[in-house]
Amino acid sequence: MSDRPTKPSPPDYVPAHDLLKGKNVLMTAAAGAGIGFATAQRCVEEGARLFISDIHERRTAEAAAKLAEIGGRPVGHRLCNVREDADVRALVAAAIDEMGRIDVVINNAGLGGETPIVDMTDDQWDAVLDITLNSVFRMTRAVLPHMMERRAGVIVNNASVLGWRAQKGQAHYAAAKAGVMALTRCSALEAAEYGVRINAVSPSLAVHPFLVKTTPQELIDELEAKEAFGRGAAPWEVANVMVFLASDYSSYMTGEVVSVSSQRA
């Protein structure tokens, strides 16, 4: 039996198939090096017209420029603090003004951290819940009237397997992601009669430069060892599933939370 690498590499990058051709996509937290930018990149590669937001001015502008180069056309962008309802509503209005309509919203904003409950402050709890869960509520509330009026639209939320699983030090994040799952299911029922679909992805572990920079390598190794493939996902592997949910290929799916994981959800 031949020796195998202890940490297999991801498969080759999947070529685009115009899954979002003709779609206008608005995405939060799309700058940086993680799932957000990977999903934004897949959107433009799949033919979407894109409008992105983040809270970091320089990174947002740089991401928009890079995505425009990849997609071959301008990418709209605007700063947005997802903790502020006025910012969220201004973002939706700006995207509609620039693109004419919003076909897809991808809610990617989130905040993590590791703190035992006995050491967790109210501010730590509130910040994670507000950015990770309440932002999805604010964005959904702001864009649904536009989609309902048009009787068309898709919302894709980024949850986490920690919404199902238990992990020490993650009570705030897990509670927020479980809330995203519940919000996805309930809002999907309210939107369905208007032809609007709302689903979520639930990644286990996606390894990207920011994670590597902020997380001890021993912990990453430990988490990767639990995955059936012996590695974390590349961000684009999660992005592919988000694009699928945004596309017409998932036309009969709503209120679903799709686990993007190589182990049992």
Protein backbone atom coordinates (compact mmCIF):
# COMPACT_ATOMS: atom_id res chain seq x y z
CA MET A 1 0.00 0.00 0.00
CA SER A 2 1.51 3.35 -1.06
CA ASP A 3 2.16 6.10 1.43
CA ARG A 4 -0.39 8.89 1.44
CA PRO A 5 0.14 12.52 2.53
CA THR A 6 -1.01 13.21 6.07
CA LYS A 7 -2.89 16.31 4.89
CA PRO A 8 -4.38 15.90 1.39
CA SER A 9 -4.60 18.92 -0.88
CA PRO A 10 -7.91 20.32 -2.12
CA PRO A 11 -9.02 19.21 -5.59
CA ASP A 12 -8.43 21.34 -8.64
CA TYR A 13 -10.40 24.58 -8.78
CA VAL A 14 -13.75 23.95 -10.45
CA PRO A 15 -14.27 25.90 -13.69
CA ALA A 16 -17.23 28.27 -13.98
CA HIS A 17 -20.47 27.30 -15.72
CA ASP A 18 -22.40 30.61 -15.87
CA LEU A 19 -24.61 29.55 -12.95
CA LEU A 20 -25.33 33.18 -12.05
CA LYS A 21 -25.36 34.72 -15.51
CA GLY A 22 -27.70 37.69 -15.55
CA LYS A 23 -28.04 37.80 -11.75
CA ASN A 24 -27.37 40.85 -9.57
CA VAL A 25 -25.74 39.87 -6.29
CA LEU A 26 -25.31 41.90 -3.10
CA MET A 27 -22.88 40.49 -0.56
CA THR A 28 -21.78 41.52 2.93
CA ALA A 29 -18.29 41.00 4.40
CA ALA A 30 -16.78 40.24 1.00
CA ALA A 31 -13.31 41.70 1.54
CA GLY A 32 -10.38 39.85 3.05
CA ALA A 33 -9.09 36.37 2.39
CA GLY A 34 -11.79 34.00 3.62
CA ILE A 35 -15.12 32.57 2.53
CA GLY A 36 -16.47 36.05 1.76
CA PHE A 37 -13.98 36.98 -0.93
CA ALA A 38 -13.93 33.42 -2.30
CA THR A 39 -17.70 33.55 -2.72
CA ALA A 40 -17.59 37.00 -4.30
CA GLN A 41 -14.98 35.71 -6.73
CA ARG A 42 -17.09 32.69 -7.62
CA CYS A 43 -20.08 34.98 -8.20
CA VAL A 44 -18.29 37.10 -10.78
CA GLU A 45 -16.74 34.01 -12.37
CA GLU A 46 -20.24 32.55 -12.68
CA GLY A 47 -21.45 35.64 -14.54
CA ALA A 48 -23.07 37.72 -11.78
CA ARG A 49 -23.04 41.47 -11.53
CA LEU A 50 -21.77 42.15 -8.03
CA PHE A 51 -22.09 44.78 -5.30
CA ILE A 52 -20.05 44.16 -2.15
CA SER A 53 -19.71 45.66 1.30
CA ASP A 54 -17.42 45.41 4.30
CA ILE A 55 -16.47 47.56 7.25
CA HIS A 56 -12.83 48.14 6.16
CA GLU A 57 -12.55 50.92 3.58
CA ARG A 58 -9.19 50.00 2.04
CA ARG A 59 -9.86 46.27 1.90
CA THR A 60 -13.32 46.82 0.41
CA ALA A 61 -11.96 49.02 -2.37
CA GLU A 62 -9.09 46.61 -3.05
CA ALA A 63 -11.47 43.64 -3.15
CA ALA A 64 -13.80 45.44 -5.56
CA ALA A 65 -10.89 46.31 -7.86
CA LYS A 66 -9.60 42.75 -7.84
CA LEU A 67 -13.06 41.31 -8.49
CA ALA A 68 -13.62 43.76 -11.33
CA GLU A 69 -10.40 42.56 -12.92
CA ILE A 70 -11.49 38.92 -12.55
CA GLY A 71 -15.01 39.51 -13.86
CA GLY A 72 -14.16 42.02 -16.54
CA ARG A 73 -16.65 44.66 -15.39
CA PRO A 74 -17.01 47.12 -12.50
CA VAL A 75 -17.96 45.86 -9.06
CA GLY A 76 -19.94 48.24 -6.87
CA HIS A 77 -18.93 48.64 -3.25
CA ARG A 78 -19.92 50.53 -0.13
CA LEU A 79 -18.83 50.55 3.49
CA CYS A 80 -21.40 49.04 5.82
CA ASN A 81 -21.45 48.47 9.55
CA VAL A 82 -23.94 45.62 9.79
CA ARG A 83 -24.62 46.56 13.43
CA GLU A 84 -26.31 49.76 12.22
CA ASP A 85 -29.73 49.45 10.58
CA ALA A 86 -29.27 52.76 8.77
CA ASP A 87 -26.07 51.44 7.17
CA VAL A 88 -27.78 48.22 6.10
CA ARG A 89 -30.72 50.06 4.52
CA ALA A 90 -28.37 52.49 2.78
CA LEU A 91 -26.40 49.53 1.40
CA VAL A 92 -29.54 47.91 -0.04
CA ALA A 93 -30.65 51.22 -1.56
CA ALA A 94 -27.21 51.82 -3.10
CA ALA A 95 -27.12 48.35 -4.63
CA ILE A 96 -30.59 48.79 -6.13
CA ASP A 97 -29.66 52.24 -7.43
CA GLU A 98 -26.52 50.93 -9.14
CA MET A 99 -27.74 47.55 -10.41
CA GLY A 100 -31.46 48.24 -10.89
CA ARG A 101 -32.53 45.28 -8.78
CA ILE A 102 -31.15 42.71 -6.35
CA ASP A 103 -31.61 39.07 -7.33
CA VAL A 104 -29.41 37.52 -4.64
CA VAL A 105 -28.23 38.57 -1.19
CA ILE A 106 -25.40 36.66 0.46
CA ASN A 107 -25.12 37.31 4.20
CA ASN A 108 -21.54 36.54 5.18
CA ALA A 109 -20.82 38.92 8.07
CA GLY A 110 -19.78 37.22 11.29
CA LEU A 111 -17.56 37.53 14.34
CA GLY A 112 -15.90 34.68 16.20
CA GLY A 113 -13.68 34.32 19.24
CA GLU A 114 -12.95 31.78 21.95
CA THR A 115 -14.00 32.59 25.52
CA PRO A 116 -15.30 30.34 28.33
CA ILE A 117 -18.75 31.34 29.54
CA VAL A 118 -17.49 32.17 33.05
CA ASP A 119 -15.05 34.69 31.56
CA MET A 120 -17.34 36.08 28.86
CA THR A 121 -18.48 39.67 29.25
CA ASP A 122 -21.81 41.06 28.14
CA ASP A 123 -19.97 43.10 25.51
CA GLN A 124 -18.30 40.00 24.06
CA TRP A 125 -21.61 38.14 23.93
CA ASP A 126 -23.47 41.11 22.45
CA ALA A 127 -20.86 41.80 19.77
CA VAL A 128 -20.85 38.23 18.45
CA LEU A 129 -24.64 37.95 18.50
CA ASP A 130 -25.11 41.36 16.90
CA ILE A 131 -22.63 40.91 14.05
CA THR A 132 -23.25 37.22 13.40
CA LEU A 133 -27.02 36.91 13.90
CA ASN A 134 -28.64 40.33 14.07
CA SER A 135 -26.92 41.45 10.88
CA VAL A 136 -28.64 38.64 8.97
CA PHE A 137 -31.98 39.77 10.42
CA ARG A 138 -31.32 43.40 9.48
CA MET A 139 -30.29 42.59 5.93
CA THR A 140 -33.19 40.18 5.42
CA ARG A 141 -35.66 42.72 6.76
CA ALA A 142 -34.23 45.45 4.53
CA VAL A 143 -34.18 43.51 1.25
CA LEU A 144 -37.29 41.31 1.51
CA PRO A 145 -39.80 44.05 0.55
CA HIS A 146 -37.84 44.63 -2.68
CA MET A 147 -37.79 40.91 -3.46
CA MET A 148 -41.39 40.33 -2.42
CA GLU A 149 -42.59 43.16 -4.65
CA ARG A 150 -40.77 41.57 -7.58
CA ARG A 151 -41.90 38.08 -6.49
CA ALA A 152 -38.38 36.82 -7.03
CA GLY A 153 -35.12 36.64 -5.16
CA VAL A 154 -32.72 34.47 -3.19
CA ILE A 155 -31.03 34.96 0.16
CA VAL A 156 -28.09 32.77 1.18
CA ASN A 157 -26.88 32.90 4.79
CA ASN A 158 -23.57 31.69 6.20
CA ALA A 159 -24.16 29.57 9.31
CA SER A 160 -21.80 27.00 10.86
CA VAL A 161 -21.81 23.41 12.03
CA LEU A 162 -21.36 24.89 15.51
CA GLY A 163 -25.05 25.72 15.29
CA TRP A 164 -25.50 21.95 15.76
CA ARG A 165 -22.36 20.86 17.59
CA ALA A 166 -20.91 21.75 20.97
CA GLN A 167 -17.43 23.19 21.37
CA LYS A 168 -15.78 24.71 24.42
CA GLY A 169 -15.33 28.46 24.34
CA GLN A 170 -17.82 28.93 21.50
CA ALA A 171 -21.11 29.51 23.34
CA HIS A 172 -21.66 32.98 21.85
CA TYR A 173 -20.70 31.99 18.30
CA ALA A 174 -22.61 28.70 18.40
CA ALA A 175 -25.72 30.42 19.77
CA ALA A 176 -25.50 33.03 17.01
CA LYS A 177 -25.09 30.45 14.25
CA ALA A 178 -27.95 28.34 15.64
CA GLY A 179 -29.97 31.54 15.47
CA VAL A 180 -28.99 32.04 11.83
CA MET A 181 -30.29 28.54 11.10
CA ALA A 182 -33.61 29.21 12.84
CA LEU A 183 -33.94 32.61 11.19
CA THR A 184 -33.29 30.99 7.81
CA ARG A 185 -36.06 28.44 8.30
CA CYS A 186 -38.66 30.87 9.64
CA SER A 187 -37.99 33.68 7.17
CA ALA A 188 -38.06 31.16 4.32
CA LEU A 189 -41.64 30.22 5.17
CA GLU A 190 -42.70 33.86 5.21
CA ALA A 191 -40.97 34.56 1.87
CA ALA A 192 -42.00 31.42 -0.01
CA GLU A 193 -45.47 32.66 -1.01
CA TYR A 194 -43.74 35.58 -2.76
CA GLY A 195 -41.42 33.33 -4.75
CA VAL A 196 -38.38 34.22 -2.64
CA ARG A 197 -36.04 31.48 -1.41
CA ILE A 198 -33.85 31.60 1.72
CA ASN A 199 -31.26 28.94 2.53
CA ALA A 200 -27.98 28.67 4.43
CA VAL A 201 -24.68 26.87 4.31
CA SER A 202 -23.12 25.39 7.41
CA PRO A 203 -19.34 25.01 7.01
CA SER A 204 -17.23 23.00 9.41
CA LEU A 205 -13.68 24.21 8.85
CA ALA A 206 -12.40 26.44 6.04
CA VAL A 207 -8.69 27.20 6.18
CA HIS A 208 -7.58 30.60 4.90
CA PRO A 209 -4.76 33.07 5.68
CA PHE A 210 -6.70 35.04 8.30
CA LEU A 211 -7.57 31.86 10.20
CA VAL A 212 -3.95 30.73 10.09
CA LYS A 213 -2.82 34.14 11.34
CA THR A 214 -5.23 34.26 14.28
CA THR A 215 -5.47 30.60 15.33
CA PRO A 216 -2.76 28.42 16.90
CA GLN A 217 -1.52 25.86 14.39
CA GLU A 218 -2.00 23.10 16.96
CA LEU A 219 -5.72 23.86 17.08
CA ILE A 220 -6.02 23.94 13.28
CA ASP A 221 -4.23 20.58 13.11
CA GLU A 222 -6.57 19.16 15.75
CA LEU A 223 -9.67 20.35 13.92
CA GLU A 224 -8.41 19.14 10.54
CA ALA A 225 -7.67 15.71 11.99
CA LYS A 226 -11.39 15.36 12.80
CA GLU A 227 -12.38 15.91 9.18
CA ALA A 228 -12.92 12.79 7.06
CA PHE A 229 -10.66 14.17 4.31
CA GLY A 230 -7.92 15.00 6.82
CA ARG A 231 -7.98 18.67 5.87
CA GLY A 232 -10.11 21.76 6.16
CA ALA A 233 -12.04 23.03 3.17
CA ALA A 234 -10.55 25.57 0.84
CA PRO A 235 -12.77 28.69 1.03
CA TRP A 236 -13.85 28.20 -2.60
CA GLU A 237 -15.26 24.78 -1.74
CA VAL A 238 -17.71 26.47 0.62
CA ALA A 239 -18.29 29.24 -1.93
CA ASN A 240 -19.32 26.67 -4.55
CA VAL A 241 -22.21 25.55 -2.36
CA MET A 242 -23.29 29.13 -1.70
CA VAL A 243 -23.30 29.77 -5.45
CA PHE A 244 -25.38 26.63 -5.98
CA LEU A 245 -27.95 27.88 -3.45
CA ALA A 246 -27.96 31.29 -5.15
CA SER A 247 -28.52 29.74 -8.56
CA ASP A 248 -31.63 28.39 -10.26
CA TYR A 249 -30.25 24.87 -9.80
CA SER A 250 -31.62 24.97 -6.23
CA SER A 251 -35.05 26.27 -7.28
CA TYR A 252 -37.00 23.84 -5.07
CA MET A 253 -34.92 24.42 -1.93
CA THR A 254 -35.93 26.87 0.75
CA GLY A 255 -35.51 26.94 4.52
CA GLU A 256 -32.66 24.44 4.22
CA VAL A 257 -29.30 24.47 5.99
CA VAL A 258 -26.72 22.62 3.91
CA SER A 259 -23.73 21.25 5.81
CA VAL A 260 -20.45 21.85 3.95
CA SER A 261 -18.45 19.35 5.90
CA SER A 262 -16.46 16.17 5.44
CA GLN A 263 -17.80 14.77 8.68
CA ARG A 264 -21.26 14.09 10.02
CA ALA A 265 -23.17 17.31 10.73
